[in-house]
Amino acid sequence: MAVCYEGIRIINIYAPSGAEKRREREAFYNTEVPTLLPPIPAEILLAGDFNCVLSQADNTGHGKIQ
């Protein structure tokens, strides 16, 4: 979702979550996110839930919820 307000582009994203959606998340970042970014330099406020883990050490989930 994106909107321009008083010259600032406000972008809120929610990436697909879960290990099983890795390809879907990659496609989201490669196809959807670029369409939300302006083609020329602009003031941007980017927020949301990126659902990214940079390192396995940052992963706290156990994979199964009962």
PDB file of N, CA and C in Angstrom:
ATOM      1  N   MET A   1       0.853  -1.154   0.000  1.00  0.00           N
ATOM      2  CA  MET A   1       0.000   0.000   0.000  1.00  0.00           C
ATOM      3  C   MET A   1       0.906   1.226   0.000  1.00  0.00           C
ATOM      4  N   ALA A   2       0.549   2.240  -0.764  1.00  0.00           N
ATOM      5  CA  ALA A   2       1.342   3.468  -0.824  1.00  0.00           C
ATOM      6  C   ALA A   2       0.420   4.655  -1.050  1.00  0.00           C
ATOM      7  N   VAL A   3       0.835   5.779  -0.503  1.00  0.00           N
ATOM      8  CA  VAL A   3       0.085   7.019  -0.670  1.00  0.00           C
ATOM      9  C   VAL A   3       1.075   8.183  -0.628  1.00  0.00           C
ATOM     10  N   CYS A   4       0.750   9.250  -1.328  1.00  0.00           N
ATOM     11  CA  CYS A   4       1.548  10.471  -1.243  1.00  0.00           C
ATOM     12  C   CYS A   4       0.783  11.474  -0.402  1.00  0.00           C
ATOM     13  N   TYR A   5       1.480  12.047   0.571  1.00  0.00           N
ATOM     14  CA  TYR A   5       0.858  13.029   1.456  1.00  0.00           C
ATOM     15  C   TYR A   5       1.845  14.155   1.690  1.00  0.00           C
ATOM     16  N   GLU A   6       1.481  15.350   1.249  1.00  0.00           N
ATOM     17  CA  GLU A   6       2.302  16.543   1.393  1.00  0.00           C
ATOM     18  C   GLU A   6       3.737  16.313   0.925  1.00  0.00           C
ATOM     19  N   GLY A   7       3.868  15.664  -0.242  1.00  0.00           N
ATOM     20  CA  GLY A   7       5.175  15.459  -0.856  1.00  0.00           C
ATOM     21  C   GLY A   7       5.960  14.273  -0.324  1.00  0.00           C
ATOM     22  N   ILE A   8       5.402  13.545   0.621  1.00  0.00           N
ATOM     23  CA  ILE A   8       6.076  12.368   1.174  1.00  0.00           C
ATOM     24  C   ILE A   8       5.332  11.122   0.713  1.00  0.00           C
ATOM     25  N   ARG A   9       6.065  10.172   0.180  1.00  0.00           N
ATOM     26  CA  ARG A   9       5.463   8.896  -0.226  1.00  0.00           C
ATOM     27  C   ARG A   9       5.542   7.957   0.971  1.00  0.00           C
ATOM     28  N   ILE A  10       4.390   7.533   1.458  1.00  0.00           N
ATOM     29  CA  ILE A  10       4.295   6.645   2.606  1.00  0.00           C
ATOM     30  C   ILE A  10       3.967   5.253   2.067  1.00  0.00           C
ATOM     31  N   ILE A  11       4.843   4.295   2.388  1.00  0.00           N
ATOM     32  CA  ILE A  11       4.694   2.941   1.872  1.00  0.00           C
ATOM     33  C   ILE A  11       4.637   1.983   3.049  1.00  0.00           C
ATOM     34  N   ASN A  12       3.618   1.139   3.077  1.00  0.00           N
ATOM     35  CA  ASN A  12       3.487   0.116   4.103  1.00  0.00           C
ATOM     36  C   ASN A  12       3.399  -1.234   3.409  1.00  0.00           C
ATOM     37  N   ILE A  13       4.332  -2.135   3.742  1.00  0.00           N
ATOM     38  CA  ILE A  13       4.320  -3.447   3.105  1.00  0.00           C
ATOM     39  C   ILE A  13       4.148  -4.548   4.143  1.00  0.00           C
ATOM     40  N   TYR A  14       3.624  -5.658   3.699  1.00  0.00           N
ATOM     41  CA  TYR A  14       3.519  -6.861   4.519  1.00  0.00           C
ATOM     42  C   TYR A  14       3.920  -8.022   3.629  1.00  0.00           C
ATOM     43  N   ALA A  15       5.123  -8.519   3.835  1.00  0.00           N
ATOM     44  CA  ALA A  15       5.645  -9.610   3.009  1.00  0.00           C
ATOM     45  C   ALA A  15       5.087 -10.949   3.489  1.00  0.00           C
ATOM     46  N   PRO A  16       4.929 -11.906   2.572  1.00  0.00           N
ATOM     47  CA  PRO A  16       4.482 -13.234   2.966  1.00  0.00           C
ATOM     48  C   PRO A  16       5.436 -13.823   4.008  1.00  0.00           C
ATOM     49  N   SER A  17       4.891 -14.515   4.993  1.00  0.00           N
ATOM     50  CA  SER A  17       5.734 -15.061   6.061  1.00  0.00           C
ATOM     51  C   SER A  17       5.796 -16.584   6.002  1.00  0.00           C
ATOM     52  N   GLY A  18       6.795 -17.125   6.650  1.00  0.00           N
ATOM     53  CA  GLY A  18       6.945 -18.573   6.758  1.00  0.00           C
ATOM     54  C   GLY A  18       7.976 -19.127   5.799  1.00  0.00           C
ATOM     55  N   ALA A  19       8.657 -20.174   6.258  1.00  0.00           N
ATOM     56  CA  ALA A  19       9.693 -20.804   5.440  1.00  0.00           C
ATOM     57  C   ALA A  19       9.131 -21.354   4.131  1.00  0.00           C
ATOM     58  N   GLU A  20       7.910 -21.855   4.169  1.00  0.00           N
ATOM     59  CA  GLU A  20       7.313 -22.435   2.967  1.00  0.00           C
ATOM     60  C   GLU A  20       6.958 -21.389   1.919  1.00  0.00           C
ATOM     61  N   LYS A  21       6.973 -20.124   2.287  1.00  0.00           N
ATOM     62  CA  LYS A  21       6.638 -19.048   1.341  1.00  0.00           C
ATOM     63  C   LYS A  21       7.871 -18.259   0.912  1.00  0.00           C
ATOM     64  N   ARG A  22       9.033 -18.878   0.995  1.00  0.00           N
ATOM     65  CA  ARG A  22      10.281 -18.197   0.635  1.00  0.00           C
ATOM     66  C   ARG A  22      10.264 -17.689  -0.805  1.00  0.00           C
ATOM     67  N   ARG A  23       9.819 -18.532  -1.737  1.00  0.00           N
ATOM     68  CA  ARG A  23       9.776 -18.113  -3.151  1.00  0.00           C
ATOM     69  C   ARG A  23       8.752 -17.005  -3.363  1.00  0.00           C
ATOM     70  N   GLU A  24       7.610 -17.126  -2.698  1.00  0.00           N
ATOM     71  CA  GLU A  24       6.577 -16.089  -2.799  1.00  0.00           C
ATOM     72  C   GLU A  24       7.100 -14.757  -2.250  1.00  0.00           C
ATOM     73  N   ARG A  25       7.841 -14.822  -1.140  1.00  0.00           N
ATOM     74  CA  ARG A  25       8.407 -13.620  -0.540  1.00  0.00           C
ATOM     75  C   ARG A  25       9.447 -12.995  -1.470  1.00  0.00           C
ATOM     76  N   GLU A  26      10.291 -13.832  -2.086  1.00  0.00           N
ATOM     77  CA  GLU A  26      11.292 -13.330  -3.022  1.00  0.00           C
ATOM     78  C   GLU A  26      10.628 -12.651  -4.213  1.00  0.00           C
ATOM     79  N   ALA A  27       9.576 -13.269  -4.737  1.00  0.00           N
ATOM     80  CA  ALA A  27       8.839 -12.667  -5.855  1.00  0.00           C
ATOM     81  C   ALA A  27       8.205 -11.347  -5.436  1.00  0.00           C
ATOM     82  N   PHE A  28       7.694 -11.285  -4.211  1.00  0.00           N
ATOM     83  CA  PHE A  28       7.096 -10.056  -3.689  1.00  0.00           C
ATOM     84  C   PHE A  28       8.111  -8.913  -3.714  1.00  0.00           C
ATOM     85  N   TYR A  29       9.325  -9.200  -3.231  1.00  0.00           N
ATOM     86  CA  TYR A  29      10.357  -8.159  -3.207  1.00  0.00           C
ATOM     87  C   TYR A  29      10.864  -7.794  -4.595  1.00  0.00           C
ATOM     88  N   ASN A  30      10.854  -8.744  -5.515  1.00  0.00           N
ATOM     89  CA  ASN A  30      11.360  -8.482  -6.866  1.00  0.00           C
ATOM     90  C   ASN A  30      10.329  -7.855  -7.797  1.00  0.00           C
ATOM     91  N   THR A  31       9.027  -8.064  -7.524  1.00  0.00           N
ATOM     92  CA  THR A  31       8.009  -7.560  -8.460  1.00  0.00           C
ATOM     93  C   THR A  31       7.077  -6.517  -7.848  1.00  0.00           C
ATOM     94  N   GLU A  32       6.602  -6.750  -6.635  1.00  0.00           N
ATOM     95  CA  GLU A  32       5.615  -5.852  -6.037  1.00  0.00           C
ATOM     96  C   GLU A  32       6.238  -4.586  -5.436  1.00  0.00           C
ATOM     97  N   VAL A  33       7.281  -4.756  -4.645  1.00  0.00           N
ATOM     98  CA  VAL A  33       7.878  -3.606  -3.950  1.00  0.00           C
ATOM     99  C   VAL A  33       8.402  -2.551  -4.934  1.00  0.00           C
ATOM    100  N   PRO A  34       9.109  -2.929  -5.999  1.00  0.00           N
ATOM    101  CA  PRO A  34       9.588  -1.891  -6.927  1.00  0.00           C
ATOM    102  C   PRO A  34       8.474  -1.029  -7.524  1.00  0.00           C
ATOM    103  N   THR A  35       7.274  -1.597  -7.690  1.00  0.00           N
ATOM    104  CA  THR A  35       6.180  -0.799  -8.247  1.00  0.00           C
ATOM    105  C   THR A  35       5.689   0.255  -7.258  1.00  0.00           C
ATOM    106  N   LEU A  36       5.970   0.061  -5.970  1.00  0.00           N
ATOM    107  CA  LEU A  36       5.556   1.035  -4.959  1.00  0.00           C
ATOM    108  C   LEU A  36       6.552   2.179  -4.812  1.00  0.00           C
ATOM    109  N   LEU A  37       7.778   1.970  -5.260  1.00  0.00           N
ATOM    110  CA  LEU A  37       8.817   2.991  -5.123  1.00  0.00           C
ATOM    111  C   LEU A  37       8.730   3.989  -6.271  1.00  0.00           C
ATOM    112  N   PRO A  38       8.920   5.266  -5.972  1.00  0.00           N
ATOM    113  CA  PRO A  38       8.833   6.275  -7.033  1.00  0.00           C
ATOM    114  C   PRO A  38      10.013   6.153  -8.002  1.00  0.00           C
ATOM    115  N   PRO A  39       9.797   6.494  -9.279  1.00  0.00           N
ATOM    116  CA  PRO A  39      10.861   6.372 -10.279  1.00  0.00           C
ATOM    117  C   PRO A  39      11.947   7.440 -10.147  1.00  0.00           C
ATOM    118  N   ILE A  40      11.663   8.505  -9.419  1.00  0.00           N
ATOM    119  CA  ILE A  40      12.645   9.572  -9.216  1.00  0.00           C
ATOM    120  C   ILE A  40      12.893   9.731  -7.715  1.00  0.00           C
ATOM    121  N   PRO A  41      14.041  10.260  -7.315  1.00  0.00           N
ATOM    122  CA  PRO A  41      14.303  10.447  -5.873  1.00  0.00           C
ATOM    123  C   PRO A  41      13.187  11.258  -5.212  1.00  0.00           C
ATOM    124  N   ALA A  42      12.759  10.793  -4.049  1.00  0.00           N
ATOM    125  CA  ALA A  42      11.667  11.454  -3.335  1.00  0.00           C
ATOM    126  C   ALA A  42      11.791  11.155  -1.852  1.00  0.00           C
ATOM    127  N   GLU A  43      11.051  11.929  -1.056  1.00  0.00           N
ATOM    128  CA  GLU A  43      10.974  11.664   0.380  1.00  0.00           C
ATOM    129  C   GLU A  43      10.099  10.429   0.562  1.00  0.00           C
ATOM    130  N   ILE A  44      10.619   9.420   1.277  1.00  0.00           N
ATOM    131  CA  ILE A  44       9.894   8.164   1.461  1.00  0.00           C
ATOM    132  C   ILE A  44       9.889   7.774   2.932  1.00  0.00           C
ATOM    133  N   LEU A  45       8.734   7.309   3.382  1.00  0.00           N
ATOM    134  CA  LEU A  45       8.600   6.682   4.686  1.00  0.00           C
ATOM    135  C   LEU A  45       8.197   5.245   4.405  1.00  0.00           C
ATOM    136  N   LEU A  46       9.123   4.299   4.659  1.00  0.00           N
ATOM    137  CA  LEU A  46       8.891   2.891   4.366  1.00  0.00           C
ATOM    138  C   LEU A  46       8.742   2.141   5.678  1.00  0.00           C
ATOM    139  N   ALA A  47       7.625   1.443   5.833  1.00  0.00           N
ATOM    140  CA  ALA A  47       7.352   0.708   7.068  1.00  0.00           C
ATOM    141  C   ALA A  47       6.643  -0.593   6.725  1.00  0.00           C
ATOM    142  N   GLY A  48       6.483  -1.435   7.715  1.00  0.00           N
ATOM    143  CA  GLY A  48       5.731  -2.655   7.513  1.00  0.00           C
ATOM    144  C   GLY A  48       6.371  -3.846   8.192  1.00  0.00           C
ATOM    145  N   ASP A  49       5.916  -5.017   7.793  1.00  0.00           N
ATOM    146  CA  ASP A  49       6.437  -6.272   8.306  1.00  0.00           C
ATOM    147  C   ASP A  49       7.148  -6.950   7.146  1.00  0.00           C
ATOM    148  N   PHE A  50       8.464  -6.931   7.179  1.00  0.00           N
ATOM    149  CA  PHE A  50       9.263  -7.429   6.062  1.00  0.00           C
ATOM    150  C   PHE A  50       9.399  -8.949   6.087  1.00  0.00           C
ATOM    151  N   ASN A  51       9.134  -9.572   7.250  1.00  0.00           N
ATOM    152  CA  ASN A  51       9.217 -11.034   7.400  1.00  0.00           C
ATOM    153  C   ASN A  51      10.515 -11.595   6.837  1.00  0.00           C
ATOM    154  N   CYS A  52      11.630 -10.952   7.200  1.00  0.00           N
ATOM    155  CA  CYS A  52      12.945 -11.395   6.754  1.00  0.00           C
ATOM    156  C   CYS A  52      13.818 -11.705   7.955  1.00  0.00           C
ATOM    157  N   VAL A  53      14.564 -12.771   7.849  1.00  0.00           N
ATOM    158  CA  VAL A  53      15.546 -13.122   8.861  1.00  0.00           C
ATOM    159  C   VAL A  53      16.890 -13.129   8.163  1.00  0.00           C
ATOM    160  N   LEU A  54      17.818 -12.302   8.644  1.00  0.00           N
ATOM    161  CA  LEU A  54      19.115 -12.197   7.992  1.00  0.00           C
ATOM    162  C   LEU A  54      20.046 -13.340   8.366  1.00  0.00           C
ATOM    163  N   SER A  55      19.881 -13.867   9.553  1.00  0.00           N
ATOM    164  CA  SER A  55      20.761 -14.917  10.028  1.00  0.00           C
ATOM    165  C   SER A  55      19.936 -15.987  10.731  1.00  0.00           C
ATOM    166  N   GLN A  56      20.345 -17.255  10.625  1.00  0.00           N
ATOM    167  CA  GLN A  56      19.640 -18.329  11.311  1.00  0.00           C
ATOM    168  C   GLN A  56      19.618 -18.074  12.816  1.00  0.00           C
ATOM    169  N   ALA A  57      20.643 -17.413  13.343  1.00  0.00           N
ATOM    170  CA  ALA A  57      20.701 -17.108  14.773  1.00  0.00           C
ATOM    171  C   ALA A  57      19.579 -16.157  15.191  1.00  0.00           C
ATOM    172  N   ASP A  58      19.013 -15.407  14.243  1.00  0.00           N
ATOM    173  CA  ASP A  58      17.929 -14.475  14.545  1.00  0.00           C
ATOM    174  C   ASP A  58      16.563 -15.151  14.514  1.00  0.00           C
ATOM    175  N   ASN A  59      16.506 -16.392  14.073  1.00  0.00           N
ATOM    176  CA  ASN A  59      15.254 -17.126  13.975  1.00  0.00           C
ATOM    177  C   ASN A  59      14.900 -17.738  15.325  1.00  0.00           C
ATOM    178  N   THR A  60      13.749 -17.384  15.861  1.00  0.00           N
ATOM    179  CA  THR A  60      13.365 -17.894  17.180  1.00  0.00           C
ATOM    180  C   THR A  60      12.243 -18.918  17.112  1.00  0.00           C
ATOM    181  N   GLY A  61      11.696 -19.158  15.937  1.00  0.00           N
ATOM    182  CA  GLY A  61      10.584 -20.094  15.808  1.00  0.00           C
ATOM    183  C   GLY A  61      11.018 -21.537  15.888  1.00  0.00           C
ATOM    184  N   HIS A  62      10.075 -22.412  16.224  1.00  0.00           N
ATOM    185  CA  HIS A  62      10.350 -23.835  16.295  1.00  0.00           C
ATOM    186  C   HIS A  62       9.719 -24.591  15.133  1.00  0.00           C
ATOM    187  N   GLY A  63       8.948 -23.931  14.303  1.00  0.00           N
ATOM    188  CA  GLY A  63       8.399 -24.537  13.107  1.00  0.00           C
ATOM    189  C   GLY A  63       7.058 -25.230  13.261  1.00  0.00           C
ATOM    190  N   LYS A  64       6.694 -25.669  14.472  1.00  0.00           N
ATOM    191  CA  LYS A  64       5.409 -26.355  14.659  1.00  0.00           C
ATOM    192  C   LYS A  64       4.673 -25.751  15.858  1.00  0.00           C
ATOM    193  N   ILE A  65       3.413 -25.450  15.619  1.00  0.00           N
ATOM    194  CA  ILE A  65       2.574 -24.940  16.693  1.00  0.00           C
ATOM    195  C   ILE A  65       1.448 -25.944  16.891  1.00  0.00           C
ATOM    196  N   GLN A  66       1.243 -26.369  18.125  1.00  0.00           N
ATOM    197  CA  GLN A  66       0.187 -27.356  18.402  1.00  0.00           C
ATOM    198  C   GLN A  66      -0.906 -26.771  19.220  1.00  0.00           C
TER     199      GLN A  66
END
